[in-house]
Amino acid sequence: MSKRGKASKSSSRDQKESAPATQAQGEPTCAPLKPRPRLFAALTIAFVVWLGLLFTLYFKTVYPLRHSTTDATTRPGASALPSAPR
């Protein structure tokens, strides 16, 4: 029984000592990601289209209300809201 006890102690000691030594060397634990230029180009195009859509919606809906051209287009006493009759 003494041989079994000694063998297990030395093997467990070897495992504990070798594990931190491999991490301390600075080896990566997983493989780095590969660059994907086609995916990057597709995502960039999608982002530009999305921004174009947002700017279009802004300039078609919000911008005209903030900067009205003239106040003479509405009759006196009428509301300046777009749903109000003119």
C-alpha atoms as a PDB file:
ATOM      1  CA  MET A   1       0.000   0.000   0.000  1.00  0.00           C
ATOM      2  CA  SER A   2       2.833   2.352   0.510  1.00  0.00           C
ATOM      3  CA  LYS A   3       3.701   2.205  -3.193  1.00  0.00           C
ATOM      4  CA  ARG A   4       0.186   3.253  -4.160  1.00  0.00           C
ATOM      5  CA  GLY A   5       0.167   6.158  -1.755  1.00  0.00           C
ATOM      6  CA  LYS A   6       3.511   7.442  -2.955  1.00  0.00           C
ATOM      7  CA  ALA A   7       2.616   7.099  -6.616  1.00  0.00           C
ATOM      8  CA  SER A   8      -0.619   9.029  -6.305  1.00  0.00           C
ATOM      9  CA  LYS A   9       1.010  11.839  -4.328  1.00  0.00           C
ATOM     10  CA  SER A  10       3.822  12.322  -6.823  1.00  0.00           C
ATOM     11  CA  SER A  11       1.511  12.192  -9.857  1.00  0.00           C
ATOM     12  CA  SER A  12      -0.913  14.694  -8.350  1.00  0.00           C
ATOM     13  CA  ARG A  13       2.012  16.952  -7.436  1.00  0.00           C
ATOM     14  CA  ASP A  14       3.295  16.780 -11.044  1.00  0.00           C
ATOM     15  CA  GLN A  15      -0.095  17.725 -12.431  1.00  0.00           C
ATOM     16  CA  LYS A  16      -0.450  20.702 -10.108  1.00  0.00           C
ATOM     17  CA  GLU A  17       3.008  22.007 -10.925  1.00  0.00           C
ATOM     18  CA  SER A  18       2.733  21.574 -14.690  1.00  0.00           C
ATOM     19  CA  ALA A  19      -0.697  23.213 -15.108  1.00  0.00           C
ATOM     20  CA  PRO A  20       0.260  26.768 -14.031  1.00  0.00           C
ATOM     21  CA  ALA A  21       3.531  26.562 -15.961  1.00  0.00           C
ATOM     22  CA  THR A  22       1.716  26.179 -19.304  1.00  0.00           C
ATOM     23  CA  GLN A  23      -0.578  29.141 -18.620  1.00  0.00           C
ATOM     24  CA  ALA A  24       2.296  31.367 -17.545  1.00  0.00           C
ATOM     25  CA  GLN A  25       4.025  31.002 -20.919  1.00  0.00           C
ATOM     26  CA  GLY A  26       1.343  33.133 -22.581  1.00  0.00           C
ATOM     27  CA  GLU A  27      -0.064  30.521 -24.920  1.00  0.00           C
ATOM     28  CA  PRO A  28      -3.562  31.355 -26.164  1.00  0.00           C
ATOM     29  CA  THR A  29      -6.270  29.144 -24.757  1.00  0.00           C
ATOM     30  CA  CYS A  30      -8.358  29.264 -27.956  1.00  0.00           C
ATOM     31  CA  ALA A  31      -7.704  29.911 -31.617  1.00  0.00           C
ATOM     32  CA  PRO A  32      -7.990  33.567 -32.713  1.00  0.00           C
ATOM     33  CA  LEU A  33     -10.767  34.563 -35.096  1.00  0.00           C
ATOM     34  CA  LYS A  34      -9.974  34.783 -38.784  1.00  0.00           C
ATOM     35  CA  PRO A  35     -10.632  38.062 -40.611  1.00  0.00           C
ATOM     36  CA  ARG A  36     -13.635  37.874 -42.925  1.00  0.00           C
ATOM     37  CA  PRO A  37     -13.473  40.746 -45.433  1.00  0.00           C
ATOM     38  CA  ARG A  38     -16.686  39.773 -47.254  1.00  0.00           C
ATOM     39  CA  LEU A  39     -18.691  39.764 -44.040  1.00  0.00           C
ATOM     40  CA  PHE A  40     -17.174  43.111 -43.056  1.00  0.00           C
ATOM     41  CA  ALA A  41     -18.068  44.608 -46.448  1.00  0.00           C
ATOM     42  CA  ALA A  42     -21.629  43.275 -46.240  1.00  0.00           C
ATOM     43  CA  LEU A  43     -22.129  44.649 -42.747  1.00  0.00           C
ATOM     44  CA  THR A  44     -20.667  48.011 -43.761  1.00  0.00           C
ATOM     45  CA  ILE A  45     -23.033  48.248 -46.734  1.00  0.00           C
ATOM     46  CA  ALA A  46     -26.000  47.290 -44.554  1.00  0.00           C
ATOM     47  CA  PHE A  47     -25.019  49.958 -42.018  1.00  0.00           C
ATOM     48  CA  VAL A  48     -24.737  52.652 -44.708  1.00  0.00           C
ATOM     49  CA  VAL A  49     -28.140  51.692 -46.125  1.00  0.00           C
ATOM     50  CA  TRP A  50     -29.644  51.808 -42.630  1.00  0.00           C
ATOM     51  CA  LEU A  51     -28.194  55.271 -41.988  1.00  0.00           C
ATOM     52  CA  GLY A  52     -29.461  56.451 -45.372  1.00  0.00           C
ATOM     53  CA  LEU A  53     -32.938  55.216 -44.498  1.00  0.00           C
ATOM     54  CA  LEU A  54     -32.869  56.966 -41.124  1.00  0.00           C
ATOM     55  CA  PHE A  55     -31.695  60.263 -42.652  1.00  0.00           C
ATOM     56  CA  THR A  56     -34.354  60.007 -45.354  1.00  0.00           C
ATOM     57  CA  LEU A  57     -37.088  59.452 -42.803  1.00  0.00           C
ATOM     58  CA  TYR A  58     -35.809  62.329 -40.683  1.00  0.00           C
ATOM     59  CA  PHE A  59     -35.653  64.823 -43.532  1.00  0.00           C
ATOM     60  CA  LYS A  60     -39.060  63.773 -44.875  1.00  0.00           C
ATOM     61  CA  THR A  61     -40.923  63.906 -41.554  1.00  0.00           C
ATOM     62  CA  VAL A  62     -39.236  65.813 -38.731  1.00  0.00           C
ATOM     63  CA  TYR A  63     -37.101  68.419 -40.465  1.00  0.00           C
ATOM     64  CA  PRO A  64     -39.945  70.158 -42.353  1.00  0.00           C
ATOM     65  CA  LEU A  65     -41.909  70.629 -39.133  1.00  0.00           C
ATOM     66  CA  ARG A  66     -38.960  72.230 -37.338  1.00  0.00           C
ATOM     67  CA  HIS A  67     -38.121  74.603 -40.168  1.00  0.00           C
ATOM     68  CA  SER A  68     -41.321  75.769 -41.783  1.00  0.00           C
ATOM     69  CA  THR A  69     -40.824  77.820 -44.934  1.00  0.00           C
ATOM     70  CA  THR A  70     -43.472  80.493 -44.350  1.00  0.00           C
ATOM     71  CA  ASP A  71     -46.291  81.063 -41.929  1.00  0.00           C
ATOM     72  CA  ALA A  72     -48.463  82.535 -44.698  1.00  0.00           C
ATOM     73  CA  THR A  73     -49.468  79.104 -45.949  1.00  0.00           C
ATOM     74  CA  THR A  74     -51.895  78.621 -43.062  1.00  0.00           C
ATOM     75  CA  ARG A  75     -54.923  80.809 -42.585  1.00  0.00           C
ATOM     76  CA  PRO A  76     -54.991  83.072 -39.563  1.00  0.00           C
ATOM     77  CA  GLY A  77     -55.877  81.298 -36.380  1.00  0.00           C
ATOM     78  CA  ALA A  78     -55.293  77.822 -37.818  1.00  0.00           C
ATOM     79  CA  SER A  79     -52.973  75.355 -36.173  1.00  0.00           C
ATOM     80  CA  ALA A  80     -49.547  74.707 -37.693  1.00  0.00           C
ATOM     81  CA  LEU A  81     -49.916  70.965 -37.186  1.00  0.00           C
ATOM     82  CA  PRO A  82     -49.831  68.876 -40.368  1.00  0.00           C
ATOM     83  CA  SER A  83     -53.254  67.321 -39.611  1.00  0.00           C
ATOM     84  CA  ALA A  84     -54.948  70.712 -39.271  1.00  0.00           C
ATOM     85  CA  PRO A  85     -57.020  71.922 -42.217  1.00  0.00           C
ATOM     86  CA  ARG A  86     -55.545  74.737 -44.275  1.00  0.00           C
END
